[in-house]
């Protein structure tokens, strides 16, 4: 980030890694990046930006947390 700050003479709040192919596939398919590949660098970078902006860590619920409510409703 230091190179970007020096070249542009501005403070850089965040950098999102280039993962054009995955971003394009997500956009074309309508499947959010965090559902397609939560551990991809682009996804973790976006989640970190959300956490910085909101002050809360964004986590995808685990399998048990996603499945359990449907069992409890029946």
C-alpha atoms as a PDB file:
ATOM      1  CA  UNK A   1       0.000   0.000   0.000  1.00  0.00           C
ATOM      2  CA  UNK A   2       2.969   2.280   0.547  1.00  0.00           C
ATOM      3  CA  UNK A   3       3.714   2.374  -3.182  1.00  0.00           C
ATOM      4  CA  UNK A   4       0.156   3.423  -3.966  1.00  0.00           C
ATOM      5  CA  UNK A   5       0.185   6.109  -1.280  1.00  0.00           C
ATOM      6  CA  UNK A   6       3.490   7.465  -2.589  1.00  0.00           C
ATOM      7  CA  UNK A   7       2.466   7.388  -6.262  1.00  0.00           C
ATOM      8  CA  UNK A   8      -0.914   9.031  -5.755  1.00  0.00           C
ATOM      9  CA  UNK A   9       0.041  11.258  -2.811  1.00  0.00           C
ATOM     10  CA  UNK A  10      -3.123  10.250  -0.977  1.00  0.00           C
ATOM     11  CA  UNK A  11      -3.905   7.972   1.942  1.00  0.00           C
ATOM     12  CA  UNK A  12      -5.225   4.594   0.856  1.00  0.00           C
ATOM     13  CA  UNK A  13      -7.848   3.103   3.158  1.00  0.00           C
ATOM     14  CA  UNK A  14      -7.887  -0.369   1.623  1.00  0.00           C
ATOM     15  CA  UNK A  15      -6.664  -2.412  -1.299  1.00  0.00           C
ATOM     16  CA  UNK A  16      -8.707  -5.114  -2.997  1.00  0.00           C
ATOM     17  CA  UNK A  17      -6.647  -7.819  -4.694  1.00  0.00           C
ATOM     18  CA  UNK A  18      -7.291  -8.347  -8.386  1.00  0.00           C
ATOM     19  CA  UNK A  19      -9.223 -11.532  -8.945  1.00  0.00           C
ATOM     20  CA  UNK A  20     -11.044 -10.508 -12.094  1.00  0.00           C
ATOM     21  CA  UNK A  21     -12.129 -13.992 -13.153  1.00  0.00           C
ATOM     22  CA  UNK A  22     -13.794 -14.825  -9.847  1.00  0.00           C
ATOM     23  CA  UNK A  23     -15.471 -11.423  -9.617  1.00  0.00           C
ATOM     24  CA  UNK A  24     -16.795 -11.799 -13.173  1.00  0.00           C
ATOM     25  CA  UNK A  25     -18.100 -15.312 -12.489  1.00  0.00           C
ATOM     26  CA  UNK A  26     -19.827 -14.066  -9.355  1.00  0.00           C
ATOM     27  CA  UNK A  27     -21.420 -11.196 -11.238  1.00  0.00           C
ATOM     28  CA  UNK A  28     -22.513 -13.378 -14.158  1.00  0.00           C
ATOM     29  CA  UNK A  29     -23.925 -16.192 -12.013  1.00  0.00           C
ATOM     30  CA  UNK A  30     -25.487 -14.004  -9.340  1.00  0.00           C
ATOM     31  CA  UNK A  31     -23.722 -15.987  -6.606  1.00  0.00           C
ATOM     32  CA  UNK A  32     -22.074 -13.660  -4.070  1.00  0.00           C
ATOM     33  CA  UNK A  33     -18.297 -13.982  -3.713  1.00  0.00           C
ATOM     34  CA  UNK A  34     -18.594 -15.039  -0.069  1.00  0.00           C
ATOM     35  CA  UNK A  35     -20.771 -17.983  -1.092  1.00  0.00           C
ATOM     36  CA  UNK A  36     -18.596 -18.990  -4.035  1.00  0.00           C
ATOM     37  CA  UNK A  37     -15.243 -18.893  -2.225  1.00  0.00           C
ATOM     38  CA  UNK A  38     -15.123 -17.288   1.186  1.00  0.00           C
ATOM     39  CA  UNK A  39     -11.379 -17.814   1.575  1.00  0.00           C
ATOM     40  CA  UNK A  40     -10.396 -16.137  -1.698  1.00  0.00           C
ATOM     41  CA  UNK A  41      -8.211 -13.044  -1.238  1.00  0.00           C
ATOM     42  CA  UNK A  42     -10.792 -10.773  -2.891  1.00  0.00           C
ATOM     43  CA  UNK A  43     -13.545 -12.040  -0.590  1.00  0.00           C
ATOM     44  CA  UNK A  44     -11.545 -11.675   2.611  1.00  0.00           C
ATOM     45  CA  UNK A  45     -10.461  -8.203   1.525  1.00  0.00           C
ATOM     46  CA  UNK A  46     -14.066  -7.107   0.974  1.00  0.00           C
ATOM     47  CA  UNK A  47     -15.109  -8.603   4.318  1.00  0.00           C
ATOM     48  CA  UNK A  48     -12.285  -6.670   6.015  1.00  0.00           C
ATOM     49  CA  UNK A  49     -13.491  -3.420   4.436  1.00  0.00           C
ATOM     50  CA  UNK A  50     -17.003  -4.095   5.706  1.00  0.00           C
ATOM     51  CA  UNK A  51     -15.595  -4.756   9.171  1.00  0.00           C
ATOM     52  CA  UNK A  52     -13.610  -1.486   9.081  1.00  0.00           C
ATOM     53  CA  UNK A  53     -16.657   0.498   7.990  1.00  0.00           C
ATOM     54  CA  UNK A  54     -19.122  -1.026  10.441  1.00  0.00           C
ATOM     55  CA  UNK A  55     -16.827  -1.889  13.322  1.00  0.00           C
ATOM     56  CA  UNK A  56     -18.206  -5.425  13.308  1.00  0.00           C
ATOM     57  CA  UNK A  57     -16.576  -8.569  12.004  1.00  0.00           C
ATOM     58  CA  UNK A  58     -18.608 -10.095   9.188  1.00  0.00           C
ATOM     59  CA  UNK A  59     -18.837 -13.845   9.369  1.00  0.00           C
ATOM     60  CA  UNK A  60     -20.774 -16.320   7.345  1.00  0.00           C
ATOM     61  CA  UNK A  61     -22.772 -18.605   9.640  1.00  0.00           C
ATOM     62  CA  UNK A  62     -21.517 -22.147   9.941  1.00  0.00           C
ATOM     63  CA  UNK A  63     -23.404 -25.124   8.566  1.00  0.00           C
ATOM     64  CA  UNK A  64     -25.058 -25.920  11.880  1.00  0.00           C
ATOM     65  CA  UNK A  65     -26.223 -22.329  12.336  1.00  0.00           C
ATOM     66  CA  UNK A  66     -27.712 -22.310   8.833  1.00  0.00           C
ATOM     67  CA  UNK A  67     -29.448 -25.695   9.082  1.00  0.00           C
ATOM     68  CA  UNK A  68     -30.663 -25.689  12.693  1.00  0.00           C
ATOM     69  CA  UNK A  69     -33.342 -22.956  12.318  1.00  0.00           C
ATOM     70  CA  UNK A  70     -35.073 -24.934   9.552  1.00  0.00           C
ATOM     71  CA  UNK A  71     -35.279 -27.996  11.811  1.00  0.00           C
ATOM     72  CA  UNK A  72     -36.606 -25.944  14.718  1.00  0.00           C
ATOM     73  CA  UNK A  73     -39.432 -24.449  12.632  1.00  0.00           C
ATOM     74  CA  UNK A  74     -40.969 -27.860  11.830  1.00  0.00           C
END
